[in-house]
PDB file of N, CA and C in Angstrom:
ATOM      1  N   MET A   1     -21.915   0.066   5.361  1.00  0.00           N
ATOM      2  CA  MET A   1     -21.152   1.094   4.719  1.00  0.00           C
ATOM      3  C   MET A   1     -21.961   1.561   3.513  1.00  0.00           C
ATOM      4  N   LEU A   2     -22.265   2.802   3.432  1.00  0.00           N
ATOM      5  CA  LEU A   2     -23.000   3.342   2.301  1.00  0.00           C
ATOM      6  C   LEU A   2     -22.035   3.911   1.277  1.00  0.00           C
ATOM      7  N   LEU A   3     -22.287   3.621   0.006  1.00  0.00           N
ATOM      8  CA  LEU A   3     -21.500   4.232  -1.051  1.00  0.00           C
ATOM      9  C   LEU A   3     -22.120   5.584  -1.359  1.00  0.00           C
ATOM     10  N   ARG A   4     -21.309   6.600  -1.330  1.00  0.00           N
ATOM     11  CA  ARG A   4     -21.808   7.940  -1.586  1.00  0.00           C
ATOM     12  C   ARG A   4     -20.771   8.719  -2.368  1.00  0.00           C
ATOM     13  N   LYS A   5     -21.216   9.766  -2.997  1.00  0.00           N
ATOM     14  CA  LYS A   5     -20.302  10.634  -3.722  1.00  0.00           C
ATOM     15  C   LYS A   5     -19.451  11.385  -2.726  1.00  0.00           C
ATOM     16  N   SER A   6     -18.198  11.584  -3.084  1.00  0.00           N
ATOM     17  CA  SER A   6     -17.291  12.341  -2.228  1.00  0.00           C
ATOM     18  C   SER A   6     -17.835  13.754  -2.085  1.00  0.00           C
ATOM     19  N   SER A   7     -18.250  14.120  -0.875  1.00  0.00           N
ATOM     20  CA  SER A   7     -18.890  15.420  -0.695  1.00  0.00           C
ATOM     21  C   SER A   7     -17.902  16.529  -0.391  1.00  0.00           C
ATOM     22  N   HIS A   8     -16.741  16.203   0.169  1.00  0.00           N
ATOM     23  CA  HIS A   8     -15.830  17.266   0.564  1.00  0.00           C
ATOM     24  C   HIS A   8     -14.857  17.667  -0.541  1.00  0.00           C
ATOM     25  N   LEU A   9     -14.833  16.923  -1.649  1.00  0.00           N
ATOM     26  CA  LEU A   9     -13.937  17.247  -2.745  1.00  0.00           C
ATOM     27  C   LEU A   9     -14.660  18.090  -3.790  1.00  0.00           C
ATOM     28  N   PRO A  10     -13.998  19.127  -4.276  1.00  0.00           N
ATOM     29  CA  PRO A  10     -14.598  19.847  -5.402  1.00  0.00           C
ATOM     30  C   PRO A  10     -14.792  18.875  -6.561  1.00  0.00           C
ATOM     31  N   ARG A  11     -15.807  19.114  -7.372  1.00  0.00           N
ATOM     32  CA  ARG A  11     -16.136  18.195  -8.467  1.00  0.00           C
ATOM     33  C   ARG A  11     -14.919  17.866  -9.328  1.00  0.00           C
ATOM     34  N   GLU A  12     -14.086  18.835  -9.635  1.00  0.00           N
ATOM     35  CA  GLU A  12     -12.943  18.586 -10.516  1.00  0.00           C
ATOM     36  C   GLU A  12     -11.848  17.764  -9.844  1.00  0.00           C
ATOM     37  N   LEU A  13     -11.952  17.574  -8.526  1.00  0.00           N
ATOM     38  CA  LEU A  13     -10.944  16.785  -7.823  1.00  0.00           C
ATOM     39  C   LEU A  13     -11.461  15.428  -7.392  1.00  0.00           C
ATOM     40  N   ASP A  14     -12.667  15.078  -7.799  1.00  0.00           N
ATOM     41  CA  ASP A  14     -13.182  13.743  -7.507  1.00  0.00           C
ATOM     42  C   ASP A  14     -12.223  12.751  -8.152  1.00  0.00           C
ATOM     43  N   LEU A  15     -11.858  11.701  -7.427  1.00  0.00           N
ATOM     44  CA  LEU A  15     -10.859  10.753  -7.910  1.00  0.00           C
ATOM     45  C   LEU A  15     -11.130  10.263  -9.315  1.00  0.00           C
ATOM     46  N   CYS A  16     -12.337   9.898  -9.594  1.00  0.00           N
ATOM     47  CA  CYS A  16     -12.610   9.265 -10.875  1.00  0.00           C
ATOM     48  C   CYS A  16     -12.978  10.243 -11.972  1.00  0.00           C
ATOM     49  N   SER A  17     -13.010  11.519 -11.679  1.00  0.00           N
ATOM     50  CA  SER A  17     -13.179  12.463 -12.773  1.00  0.00           C
ATOM     51  C   SER A  17     -11.814  12.932 -13.269  1.00  0.00           C
ATOM     52  N   CYS A  18     -10.759  12.521 -12.568  1.00  0.00           N
ATOM     53  CA  CYS A  18      -9.406  12.935 -12.952  1.00  0.00           C
ATOM     54  C   CYS A  18      -8.917  12.266 -14.221  1.00  0.00           C
ATOM     55  N   ASP A  19      -9.395  11.074 -14.494  1.00  0.00           N
ATOM     56  CA  ASP A  19      -8.841  10.318 -15.592  1.00  0.00           C
ATOM     57  C   ASP A  19      -9.918   9.410 -16.168  1.00  0.00           C
ATOM     58  N   TYR A  20     -10.200   9.531 -17.437  1.00  0.00           N
ATOM     59  CA  TYR A  20     -11.272   8.746 -18.044  1.00  0.00           C
ATOM     60  C   TYR A  20     -11.042   7.253 -17.893  1.00  0.00           C
ATOM     61  N   SER A  21      -9.800   6.798 -17.970  1.00  0.00           N
ATOM     62  CA  SER A  21      -9.544   5.355 -17.890  1.00  0.00           C
ATOM     63  C   SER A  21      -9.856   4.792 -16.512  1.00  0.00           C
ATOM     64  N   CYS A  22     -10.100   5.666 -15.559  1.00  0.00           N
ATOM     65  CA  CYS A  22     -10.457   5.218 -14.215  1.00  0.00           C
ATOM     66  C   CYS A  22     -11.956   5.047 -14.065  1.00  0.00           C
ATOM     67  N   LYS A  23     -12.728   5.420 -15.050  1.00  0.00           N
ATOM     68  CA  LYS A  23     -14.188   5.389 -14.927  1.00  0.00           C
ATOM     69  C   LYS A  23     -14.731   3.985 -14.674  1.00  0.00           C
ATOM     70  N   GLN A  24     -14.063   2.983 -15.190  1.00  0.00           N
ATOM     71  CA  GLN A  24     -14.494   1.608 -14.939  1.00  0.00           C
ATOM     72  C   GLN A  24     -13.278   0.708 -15.081  1.00  0.00           C
ATOM     73  N   LYS A  25     -13.257  -0.369 -14.326  1.00  0.00           N
ATOM     74  CA  LYS A  25     -12.103  -1.256 -14.279  1.00  0.00           C
ATOM     75  C   LYS A  25     -11.730  -1.796 -15.659  1.00  0.00           C
ATOM     76  N   ASN A  26     -12.690  -2.225 -16.427  1.00  0.00           N
ATOM     77  CA  ASN A  26     -12.480  -2.799 -17.765  1.00  0.00           C
ATOM     78  C   ASN A  26     -11.464  -3.926 -17.746  1.00  0.00           C
ATOM     79  N   SER A  27     -10.396  -3.831 -18.525  1.00  0.00           N
ATOM     80  CA  SER A  27      -9.482  -4.954 -18.699  1.00  0.00           C
ATOM     81  C   SER A  27      -8.293  -4.961 -17.731  1.00  0.00           C
ATOM     82  N   MET A  28      -8.197  -3.996 -16.850  1.00  0.00           N
ATOM     83  CA  MET A  28      -7.103  -3.981 -15.882  1.00  0.00           C
ATOM     84  C   MET A  28      -7.301  -5.078 -14.849  1.00  0.00           C
ATOM     85  N   SER A  29      -6.189  -5.593 -14.325  1.00  0.00           N
ATOM     86  CA  SER A  29      -6.304  -6.494 -13.181  1.00  0.00           C
ATOM     87  C   SER A  29      -6.725  -5.648 -11.984  1.00  0.00           C
ATOM     88  N   ILE A  30      -7.205  -6.303 -10.955  1.00  0.00           N
ATOM     89  CA  ILE A  30      -7.662  -5.551  -9.785  1.00  0.00           C
ATOM     90  C   ILE A  30      -6.499  -4.827  -9.126  1.00  0.00           C
ATOM     91  N   ILE A  31      -5.311  -5.418  -9.119  1.00  0.00           N
ATOM     92  CA  ILE A  31      -4.160  -4.743  -8.510  1.00  0.00           C
ATOM     93  C   ILE A  31      -3.783  -3.507  -9.319  1.00  0.00           C
ATOM     94  N   GLU A  32      -3.877  -3.586 -10.640  1.00  0.00           N
ATOM     95  CA  GLU A  32      -3.613  -2.410 -11.471  1.00  0.00           C
ATOM     96  C   GLU A  32      -4.637  -1.314 -11.188  1.00  0.00           C
ATOM     97  N   PHE A  33      -5.885  -1.719 -11.035  1.00  0.00           N
ATOM     98  CA  PHE A  33      -6.948  -0.753 -10.762  1.00  0.00           C
ATOM     99  C   PHE A  33      -6.768  -0.115  -9.389  1.00  0.00           C
ATOM    100  N   ILE A  34      -6.424  -0.914  -8.390  1.00  0.00           N
ATOM    101  CA  ILE A  34      -6.155  -0.390  -7.039  1.00  0.00           C
ATOM    102  C   ILE A  34      -5.008   0.608  -7.090  1.00  0.00           C
ATOM    103  N   MET A  35      -3.959   0.262  -7.813  1.00  0.00           N
ATOM    104  CA  MET A  35      -2.800   1.156  -7.921  1.00  0.00           C
ATOM    105  C   MET A  35      -3.164   2.452  -8.661  1.00  0.00           C
ATOM    106  N   LYS A  36      -4.067   2.361  -9.628  1.00  0.00           N
ATOM    107  CA  LYS A  36      -4.527   3.550 -10.356  1.00  0.00           C
ATOM    108  C   LYS A  36      -5.254   4.507  -9.399  1.00  0.00           C
ATOM    109  N   ILE A  37      -6.160   3.966  -8.586  1.00  0.00           N
ATOM    110  CA  ILE A  37      -6.884   4.779  -7.608  1.00  0.00           C
ATOM    111  C   ILE A  37      -5.894   5.373  -6.601  1.00  0.00           C
ATOM    112  N   LYS A  38      -4.937   4.555  -6.135  1.00  0.00           N
ATOM    113  CA  LYS A  38      -3.948   5.040  -5.171  1.00  0.00           C
ATOM    114  C   LYS A  38      -3.102   6.157  -5.771  1.00  0.00           C
ATOM    115  N   SER A  39      -2.688   5.990  -7.014  1.00  0.00           N
ATOM    116  CA  SER A  39      -1.886   7.012  -7.688  1.00  0.00           C
ATOM    117  C   SER A  39      -2.654   8.335  -7.804  1.00  0.00           C
ATOM    118  N   LEU A  40      -3.921   8.251  -8.184  1.00  0.00           N
ATOM    119  CA  LEU A  40      -4.743   9.467  -8.266  1.00  0.00           C
ATOM    120  C   LEU A  40      -4.901  10.108  -6.891  1.00  0.00           C
ATOM    121  N   SER A  41      -5.097   9.291  -5.878  1.00  0.00           N
ATOM    122  CA  SER A  41      -5.226   9.785  -4.512  1.00  0.00           C
ATOM    123  C   SER A  41      -3.938  10.470  -4.056  1.00  0.00           C
ATOM    124  N   ASP A  42      -2.804   9.829  -4.341  1.00  0.00           N
ATOM    125  CA  ASP A  42      -1.510  10.415  -3.978  1.00  0.00           C
ATOM    126  C   ASP A  42      -1.281  11.741  -4.702  1.00  0.00           C
ATOM    127  N   SER A  43      -1.694  11.804  -5.958  1.00  0.00           N
ATOM    128  CA  SER A  43      -1.553  13.056  -6.726  1.00  0.00           C
ATOM    129  C   SER A  43      -2.383  14.172  -6.108  1.00  0.00           C
ATOM    130  N   LEU A  44      -3.605  13.848  -5.693  1.00  0.00           N
ATOM    131  CA  LEU A  44      -4.454  14.851  -5.054  1.00  0.00           C
ATOM    132  C   LEU A  44      -3.864  15.287  -3.712  1.00  0.00           C
ATOM    133  N   THR A  45      -3.323  14.337  -2.963  1.00  0.00           N
ATOM    134  CA  THR A  45      -2.688  14.670  -1.682  1.00  0.00           C
ATOM    135  C   THR A  45      -1.499  15.598  -1.913  1.00  0.00           C
ATOM    136  N   ALA A  46      -0.743  15.350  -2.963  1.00  0.00           N
ATOM    137  CA  ALA A  46       0.432  16.165  -3.272  1.00  0.00           C
ATOM    138  C   ALA A  46       0.076  17.617  -3.578  1.00  0.00           C
ATOM    139  N   ILE A  47      -1.137  17.867  -4.058  1.00  0.00           N
ATOM    140  CA  ILE A  47      -1.541  19.253  -4.347  1.00  0.00           C
ATOM    141  C   ILE A  47      -2.396  19.845  -3.226  1.00  0.00           C
ATOM    142  N   GLY A  48      -2.380  19.164  -2.070  1.00  0.00           N
ATOM    143  CA  GLY A  48      -3.064  19.708  -0.906  1.00  0.00           C
ATOM    144  C   GLY A  48      -4.518  19.312  -0.761  1.00  0.00           C
ATOM    145  N   GLU A  49      -4.964  18.299  -1.483  1.00  0.00           N
ATOM    146  CA  GLU A  49      -6.340  17.811  -1.391  1.00  0.00           C
ATOM    147  C   GLU A  49      -6.333  16.337  -0.998  1.00  0.00           C
ATOM    148  N   PRO A  50      -6.013  16.028   0.259  1.00  0.00           N
ATOM    149  CA  PRO A  50      -5.942  14.621   0.662  1.00  0.00           C
ATOM    150  C   PRO A  50      -7.282  13.913   0.502  1.00  0.00           C
ATOM    151  N   VAL A  51      -7.215  12.643   0.183  1.00  0.00           N
ATOM    152  CA  VAL A  51      -8.403  11.816  -0.029  1.00  0.00           C
ATOM    153  C   VAL A  51      -8.436  10.777   1.085  1.00  0.00           C
ATOM    154  N   SER A  52      -9.530  10.715   1.799  1.00  0.00           N
ATOM    155  CA  SER A  52      -9.652   9.760   2.900  1.00  0.00           C
ATOM    156  C   SER A  52      -9.709   8.333   2.371  1.00  0.00           C
ATOM    157  N   ASP A  53      -9.390   7.389   3.240  1.00  0.00           N
ATOM    158  CA  ASP A  53      -9.496   5.985   2.864  1.00  0.00           C
ATOM    159  C   ASP A  53     -10.921   5.644   2.451  1.00  0.00           C
ATOM    160  N   GLN A  54     -11.908   6.174   3.169  1.00  0.00           N
ATOM    161  CA  GLN A  54     -13.305   5.876   2.839  1.00  0.00           C
ATOM    162  C   GLN A  54     -13.678   6.417   1.457  1.00  0.00           C
ATOM    163  N   ASP A  55     -13.158   7.571   1.086  1.00  0.00           N
ATOM    164  CA  ASP A  55     -13.427   8.094  -0.259  1.00  0.00           C
ATOM    165  C   ASP A  55     -12.730   7.246  -1.322  1.00  0.00           C
ATOM    166  N   GLN A  56     -11.526   6.746  -1.015  1.00  0.00           N
ATOM    167  CA  GLN A  56     -10.850   5.849  -1.949  1.00  0.00           C
ATOM    168  C   GLN A  56     -11.662   4.567  -2.131  1.00  0.00           C
ATOM    169  N   ILE A  57     -12.161   4.030  -1.019  1.00  0.00           N
ATOM    170  CA  ILE A  57     -12.983   2.818  -1.075  1.00  0.00           C
ATOM    171  C   ILE A  57     -14.229   3.060  -1.912  1.00  0.00           C
ATOM    172  N   MET A  58     -14.909   4.162  -1.650  1.00  0.00           N
ATOM    173  CA  MET A  58     -16.131   4.487  -2.382  1.00  0.00           C
ATOM    174  C   MET A  58     -15.860   4.592  -3.885  1.00  0.00           C
ATOM    175  N   ASN A  59     -14.805   5.273  -4.256  1.00  0.00           N
ATOM    176  CA  ASN A  59     -14.470   5.425  -5.669  1.00  0.00           C
ATOM    177  C   ASN A  59     -14.066   4.097  -6.297  1.00  0.00           C
ATOM    178  N   LEU A  60     -13.315   3.303  -5.576  1.00  0.00           N
ATOM    179  CA  LEU A  60     -12.896   2.003  -6.073  1.00  0.00           C
ATOM    180  C   LEU A  60     -14.089   1.094  -6.328  1.00  0.00           C
ATOM    181  N   LEU A  61     -14.957   0.964  -5.342  1.00  0.00           N
ATOM    182  CA  LEU A  61     -16.113   0.068  -5.470  1.00  0.00           C
ATOM    183  C   LEU A  61     -17.097   0.546  -6.531  1.00  0.00           C
ATOM    184  N   ALA A  62     -17.249   1.849  -6.642  1.00  0.00           N
ATOM    185  CA  ALA A  62     -18.207   2.403  -7.601  1.00  0.00           C
ATOM    186  C   ALA A  62     -17.776   2.193  -9.053  1.00  0.00           C
ATOM    187  N   ARG A  63     -16.495   1.927  -9.287  1.00  0.00           N
ATOM    188  CA  ARG A  63     -15.987   1.829 -10.653  1.00  0.00           C
ATOM    189  C   ARG A  63     -15.688   0.397 -11.095  1.00  0.00           C
ATOM    190  N   LEU A  64     -15.985  -0.569 -10.244  1.00  0.00           N
ATOM    191  CA  LEU A  64     -15.750  -1.959 -10.624  1.00  0.00           C
ATOM    192  C   LEU A  64     -16.817  -2.423 -11.601  1.00  0.00           C
ATOM    193  N   GLY A  65     -16.466  -3.363 -12.451  1.00  0.00           N
ATOM    194  CA  GLY A  65     -17.385  -3.867 -13.459  1.00  0.00           C
ATOM    195  C   GLY A  65     -18.420  -4.835 -12.909  1.00  0.00           C
ATOM    196  N   PHE A  66     -19.241  -5.317 -13.805  1.00  0.00           N
ATOM    197  CA  PHE A  66     -20.367  -6.199 -13.501  1.00  0.00           C
ATOM    198  C   PHE A  66     -19.970  -7.415 -12.679  1.00  0.00           C
ATOM    199  N   TYR A  67     -18.846  -8.033 -13.001  1.00  0.00           N
ATOM    200  CA  TYR A  67     -18.444  -9.262 -12.312  1.00  0.00           C
ATOM    201  C   TYR A  67     -18.179  -9.053 -10.831  1.00  0.00           C
ATOM    202  N   TYR A  68     -17.993  -7.821 -10.424  1.00  0.00           N
ATOM    203  CA  TYR A  68     -17.699  -7.527  -9.020  1.00  0.00           C
ATOM    204  C   TYR A  68     -18.941  -7.128  -8.226  1.00  0.00           C
ATOM    205  N   ASN A  69     -20.121  -7.133  -8.845  1.00  0.00           N
ATOM    206  CA  ASN A  69     -21.341  -6.725  -8.141  1.00  0.00           C
ATOM    207  C   ASN A  69     -21.568  -7.499  -6.856  1.00  0.00           C
ATOM    208  N   PHE A  70     -21.306  -8.795  -6.882  1.00  0.00           N
ATOM    209  CA  PHE A  70     -21.514  -9.621  -5.693  1.00  0.00           C
ATOM    210  C   PHE A  70     -20.655  -9.144  -4.526  1.00  0.00           C
ATOM    211  N   VAL A  71     -19.376  -8.946  -4.772  1.00  0.00           N
ATOM    212  CA  VAL A  71     -18.475  -8.547  -3.685  1.00  0.00           C
ATOM    213  C   VAL A  71     -18.748  -7.102  -3.251  1.00  0.00           C
ATOM    214  N   VAL A  72     -19.104  -6.225  -4.183  1.00  0.00           N
ATOM    215  CA  VAL A  72     -19.432  -4.838  -3.822  1.00  0.00           C
ATOM    216  C   VAL A  72     -20.678  -4.811  -2.941  1.00  0.00           C
ATOM    217  N   THR A  73     -21.685  -5.593  -3.311  1.00  0.00           N
ATOM    218  CA  THR A  73     -22.905  -5.672  -2.497  1.00  0.00           C
ATOM    219  C   THR A  73     -22.599  -6.207  -1.111  1.00  0.00           C
ATOM    220  N   SER A  74     -21.782  -7.230  -1.054  1.00  0.00           N
ATOM    221  CA  SER A  74     -21.398  -7.829   0.221  1.00  0.00           C
ATOM    222  C   SER A  74     -20.660  -6.829   1.110  1.00  0.00           C
ATOM    223  N   ILE A  75     -19.731  -6.103   0.547  1.00  0.00           N
ATOM    224  CA  ILE A  75     -18.971  -5.102   1.307  1.00  0.00           C
ATOM    225  C   ILE A  75     -19.894  -3.969   1.750  1.00  0.00           C
ATOM    226  N   SER A  76     -20.758  -3.526   0.858  1.00  0.00           N
ATOM    227  CA  SER A  76     -21.648  -2.401   1.155  1.00  0.00           C
ATOM    228  C   SER A  76     -22.672  -2.730   2.233  1.00  0.00           C
ATOM    229  N   ALA A  77     -23.044  -3.993   2.353  1.00  0.00           N
ATOM    230  CA  ALA A  77     -24.071  -4.402   3.308  1.00  0.00           C
ATOM    231  C   ALA A  77     -23.533  -4.589   4.727  1.00  0.00           C
ATOM    232  N   ARG A  78     -22.244  -4.539   4.882  1.00  0.00           N
ATOM    233  CA  ARG A  78     -21.643  -4.761   6.209  1.00  0.00           C
ATOM    234  C   ARG A  78     -21.988  -3.612   7.154  1.00  0.00           C
ATOM    235  N   ASP A  79     -22.166  -3.955   8.420  1.00  0.00           N
ATOM    236  CA  ASP A  79     -22.415  -2.941   9.442  1.00  0.00           C
ATOM    237  C   ASP A  79     -21.128  -2.242   9.862  1.00  0.00           C
ATOM    238  N   ASN A  80     -20.030  -2.970   9.848  1.00  0.00           N
ATOM    239  CA  ASN A  80     -18.762  -2.376  10.254  1.00  0.00           C
ATOM    240  C   ASN A  80     -17.977  -1.913   9.029  1.00  0.00           C
ATOM    241  N   GLN A  81     -17.188  -0.880   9.224  1.00  0.00           N
ATOM    242  CA  GLN A  81     -16.379  -0.370   8.127  1.00  0.00           C
ATOM    243  C   GLN A  81     -15.095  -1.182   8.030  1.00  0.00           C
ATOM    244  N   LEU A  82     -14.731  -1.530   6.814  1.00  0.00           N
ATOM    245  CA  LEU A  82     -13.484  -2.239   6.572  1.00  0.00           C
ATOM    246  C   LEU A  82     -12.404  -1.236   6.217  1.00  0.00           C
ATOM    247  N   SER A  83     -11.174  -1.582   6.533  1.00  0.00           N
ATOM    248  CA  SER A  83     -10.056  -0.714   6.171  1.00  0.00           C
ATOM    249  C   SER A  83      -9.804  -0.813   4.666  1.00  0.00           C
ATOM    250  N   LEU A  84      -9.068   0.128   4.152  1.00  0.00           N
ATOM    251  CA  LEU A  84      -8.706   0.125   2.742  1.00  0.00           C
ATOM    252  C   LEU A  84      -7.926  -1.151   2.412  1.00  0.00           C
ATOM    253  N   GLU A  85      -7.042  -1.564   3.301  1.00  0.00           N
ATOM    254  CA  GLU A  85      -6.268  -2.786   3.096  1.00  0.00           C
ATOM    255  C   GLU A  85      -7.171  -4.016   3.073  1.00  0.00           C
ATOM    256  N   ASP A  86      -8.184  -4.050   3.948  1.00  0.00           N
ATOM    257  CA  ASP A  86      -9.140  -5.161   3.951  1.00  0.00           C
ATOM    258  C   ASP A  86      -9.905  -5.229   2.629  1.00  0.00           C
ATOM    259  N   ILE A  87     -10.316  -4.088   2.127  1.00  0.00           N
ATOM    260  CA  ILE A  87     -11.033  -4.029   0.847  1.00  0.00           C
ATOM    261  C   ILE A  87     -10.129  -4.553  -0.268  1.00  0.00           C
ATOM    262  N   HIS A  88      -8.887  -4.095  -0.281  1.00  0.00           N
ATOM    263  CA  HIS A  88      -7.939  -4.559  -1.299  1.00  0.00           C
ATOM    264  C   HIS A  88      -7.797  -6.074  -1.243  1.00  0.00           C
ATOM    265  N   SER A  89      -7.652  -6.612  -0.043  1.00  0.00           N
ATOM    266  CA  SER A  89      -7.499  -8.055   0.140  1.00  0.00           C
ATOM    267  C   SER A  89      -8.733  -8.814  -0.368  1.00  0.00           C
ATOM    268  N   LEU A  90      -9.920  -8.331  -0.013  1.00  0.00           N
ATOM    269  CA  LEU A  90     -11.157  -8.970  -0.474  1.00  0.00           C
ATOM    270  C   LEU A  90     -11.265  -8.957  -1.995  1.00  0.00           C
ATOM    271  N   LEU A  91     -10.922  -7.831  -2.598  1.00  0.00           N
ATOM    272  CA  LEU A  91     -11.014  -7.721  -4.055  1.00  0.00           C
ATOM    273  C   LEU A  91      -9.992  -8.613  -4.756  1.00  0.00           C
ATOM    274  N   LEU A  92      -8.786  -8.684  -4.215  1.00  0.00           N
ATOM    275  CA  LEU A  92      -7.761  -9.557  -4.795  1.00  0.00           C
ATOM    276  C   LEU A  92      -8.179 -11.023  -4.694  1.00  0.00           C
ATOM    277  N   THR A  93      -8.727 -11.399  -3.548  1.00  0.00           N
ATOM    278  CA  THR A  93      -9.201 -12.768  -3.361  1.00  0.00           C
ATOM    279  C   THR A  93     -10.347 -13.079  -4.309  1.00  0.00           C
ATOM    280  N   PHE A  94     -11.269 -12.141  -4.454  1.00  0.00           N
ATOM    281  CA  PHE A  94     -12.407 -12.340  -5.348  1.00  0.00           C
ATOM    282  C   PHE A  94     -11.930 -12.480  -6.797  1.00  0.00           C
ATOM    283  N   GLU A  95     -10.990 -11.631  -7.218  1.00  0.00           N
ATOM    284  CA  GLU A  95     -10.469 -11.726  -8.583  1.00  0.00           C
ATOM    285  C   GLU A  95      -9.796 -13.090  -8.800  1.00  0.00           C
ATOM    286  N   HIS A  96      -9.051 -13.545  -7.808  1.00  0.00           N
ATOM    287  CA  HIS A  96      -8.399 -14.851  -7.923  1.00  0.00           C
ATOM    288  C   HIS A  96      -9.442 -15.958  -8.114  1.00  0.00           C
ATOM    289  N   ARG A  97     -10.532 -15.879  -7.357  1.00  0.00           N
ATOM    290  CA  ARG A  97     -11.606 -16.882  -7.483  1.00  0.00           C
ATOM    291  C   ARG A  97     -12.272 -16.791  -8.859  1.00  0.00           C
ATOM    292  N   LEU A  98     -12.456 -15.581  -9.371  1.00  0.00           N
ATOM    293  CA  LEU A  98     -13.013 -15.430 -10.724  1.00  0.00           C
ATOM    294  C   LEU A  98     -12.100 -16.073 -11.759  1.00  0.00           C
ATOM    295  N   GLU A  99     -10.801 -15.848 -11.604  1.00  0.00           N
ATOM    296  CA  GLU A  99      -9.837 -16.422 -12.543  1.00  0.00           C
ATOM    297  C   GLU A  99      -9.858 -17.946 -12.477  1.00  0.00           C
ATOM    298  N   GLN A 100      -9.946 -18.503 -11.275  1.00  0.00           N
ATOM    299  CA  GLN A 100     -10.038 -19.954 -11.131  1.00  0.00           C
ATOM    300  C   GLN A 100     -11.292 -20.477 -11.818  1.00  0.00           C
ATOM    301  N   HIS A 101     -12.409 -19.797 -11.614  1.00  0.00           N
ATOM    302  CA  HIS A 101     -13.674 -20.209 -12.219  1.00  0.00           C
ATOM    303  C   HIS A 101     -13.582 -20.144 -13.747  1.00  0.00           C
ATOM    304  N   ASN A 102     -12.993 -19.072 -14.263  1.00  0.00           N
ATOM    305  CA  ASN A 102     -12.852 -18.933 -15.712  1.00  0.00           C
ATOM    306  C   ASN A 102     -11.957 -20.017 -16.278  1.00  0.00           C
ATOM    307  N   PHE A 103     -10.910 -20.402 -15.536  1.00  0.00           N
ATOM    308  CA  PHE A 103     -10.032 -21.466 -16.002  1.00  0.00           C
ATOM    309  C   PHE A 103     -10.802 -22.778 -16.110  1.00  0.00           C
ATOM    310  N   VAL A 104     -11.620 -23.062 -15.120  1.00  0.00           N
ATOM    311  CA  VAL A 104     -12.426 -24.287 -15.139  1.00  0.00           C
ATOM    312  C   VAL A 104     -13.403 -24.238 -16.305  1.00  0.00           C
ATOM    313  N   ASP A 105     -14.053 -23.099 -16.516  1.00  0.00           N
ATOM    314  CA  ASP A 105     -15.017 -22.969 -17.611  1.00  0.00           C
ATOM    315  C   ASP A 105     -14.355 -23.157 -18.977  1.00  0.00           C
ATOM    316  N   GLU A 106     -13.140 -22.613 -19.144  1.00  0.00           N
ATOM    317  CA  GLU A 106     -12.464 -22.682 -20.434  1.00  0.00           C
ATOM    318  C   GLU A 106     -11.957 -24.086 -20.744  1.00  0.00           C
ATOM    319  N   THR A 107     -11.496 -24.802 -19.737  1.00  0.00           N
ATOM    320  CA  THR A 107     -10.917 -26.118 -19.985  1.00  0.00           C
ATOM    321  C   THR A 107     -11.939 -27.236 -19.863  1.00  0.00           C
ATOM    322  N   GLY A 108     -13.038 -26.954 -19.171  1.00  0.00           N
ATOM    323  CA  GLY A 108     -14.049 -27.978 -18.966  1.00  0.00           C
ATOM    324  C   GLY A 108     -13.655 -28.979 -17.893  1.00  0.00           C
ATOM    325  N   THR A 109     -12.500 -28.763 -17.293  1.00  0.00           N
ATOM    326  CA  THR A 109     -12.051 -29.633 -16.217  1.00  0.00           C
ATOM    327  C   THR A 109     -11.583 -28.799 -15.055  1.00  0.00           C
ATOM    328  N   MET A 110     -11.513 -29.423 -13.924  1.00  0.00           N
ATOM    329  CA  MET A 110     -11.036 -28.721 -12.744  1.00  0.00           C
ATOM    330  C   MET A 110      -9.714 -29.353 -12.350  1.00  0.00           C
ATOM    331  N   THR A 111      -8.747 -28.487 -12.046  1.00  0.00           N
ATOM    332  CA  THR A 111      -7.450 -28.978 -11.602  1.00  0.00           C
ATOM    333  C   THR A 111      -7.207 -28.466 -10.193  1.00  0.00           C
ATOM    334  N   ALA A 112      -6.338 -29.143  -9.476  1.00  0.00           N
ATOM    335  CA  ALA A 112      -5.995 -28.723  -8.128  1.00  0.00           C
ATOM    336  C   ALA A 112      -4.489 -28.696  -7.987  1.00  0.00           C
ATOM    337  N   ASN A 113      -4.010 -27.689  -7.314  1.00  0.00           N
ATOM    338  CA  ASN A 113      -2.594 -27.597  -7.002  1.00  0.00           C
ATOM    339  C   ASN A 113      -2.410 -27.884  -5.532  1.00  0.00           C
ATOM    340  N   PHE A 114      -1.570 -28.836  -5.223  1.00  0.00           N
ATOM    341  CA  PHE A 114      -1.318 -29.175  -3.831  1.00  0.00           C
ATOM    342  C   PHE A 114       0.051 -28.665  -3.430  1.00  0.00           C
ATOM    343  N   ALA A 115       0.111 -28.065  -2.246  1.00  0.00           N
ATOM    344  CA  ALA A 115       1.385 -27.545  -1.763  1.00  0.00           C
ATOM    345  C   ALA A 115       2.126 -28.620  -1.002  1.00  0.00           C
TER     346      ALA A 115
END
C-alpha cells in the first residue's frame, strides 16, 4: 500500500487541511484521532465530497507521530490492502502495547493481569 496525497480532492478539501489540530496526532489517544479523521470525512461527505476509505487511511497514517513509525511502515509495506477497520484495530492494539511499555518503564517493574 503506497501512501500518497489525495489526488481527487481539491486542495482545500484534503482531510488534514480542514483543521490544524488534525495535522499530527500529538496528545490525543488513537481513538480520539481516528474519530477526528472520521468526523472530517463525514463532514466532507455531507457537502458532497465523499472521502474513500483509502484516502482516510492515507491521511490517518500520514499524521501519526514518531512513536507510530514502526506500525505505519509495517502497514505501508504490505502487499494487500487492509480495510479501514483493520487499520483502526492495528493502531488501537499498537497504542495499547505502547501504553503497557510506558507503564513498565515508569514503574521499573512488570505486572500481569490474569483473567
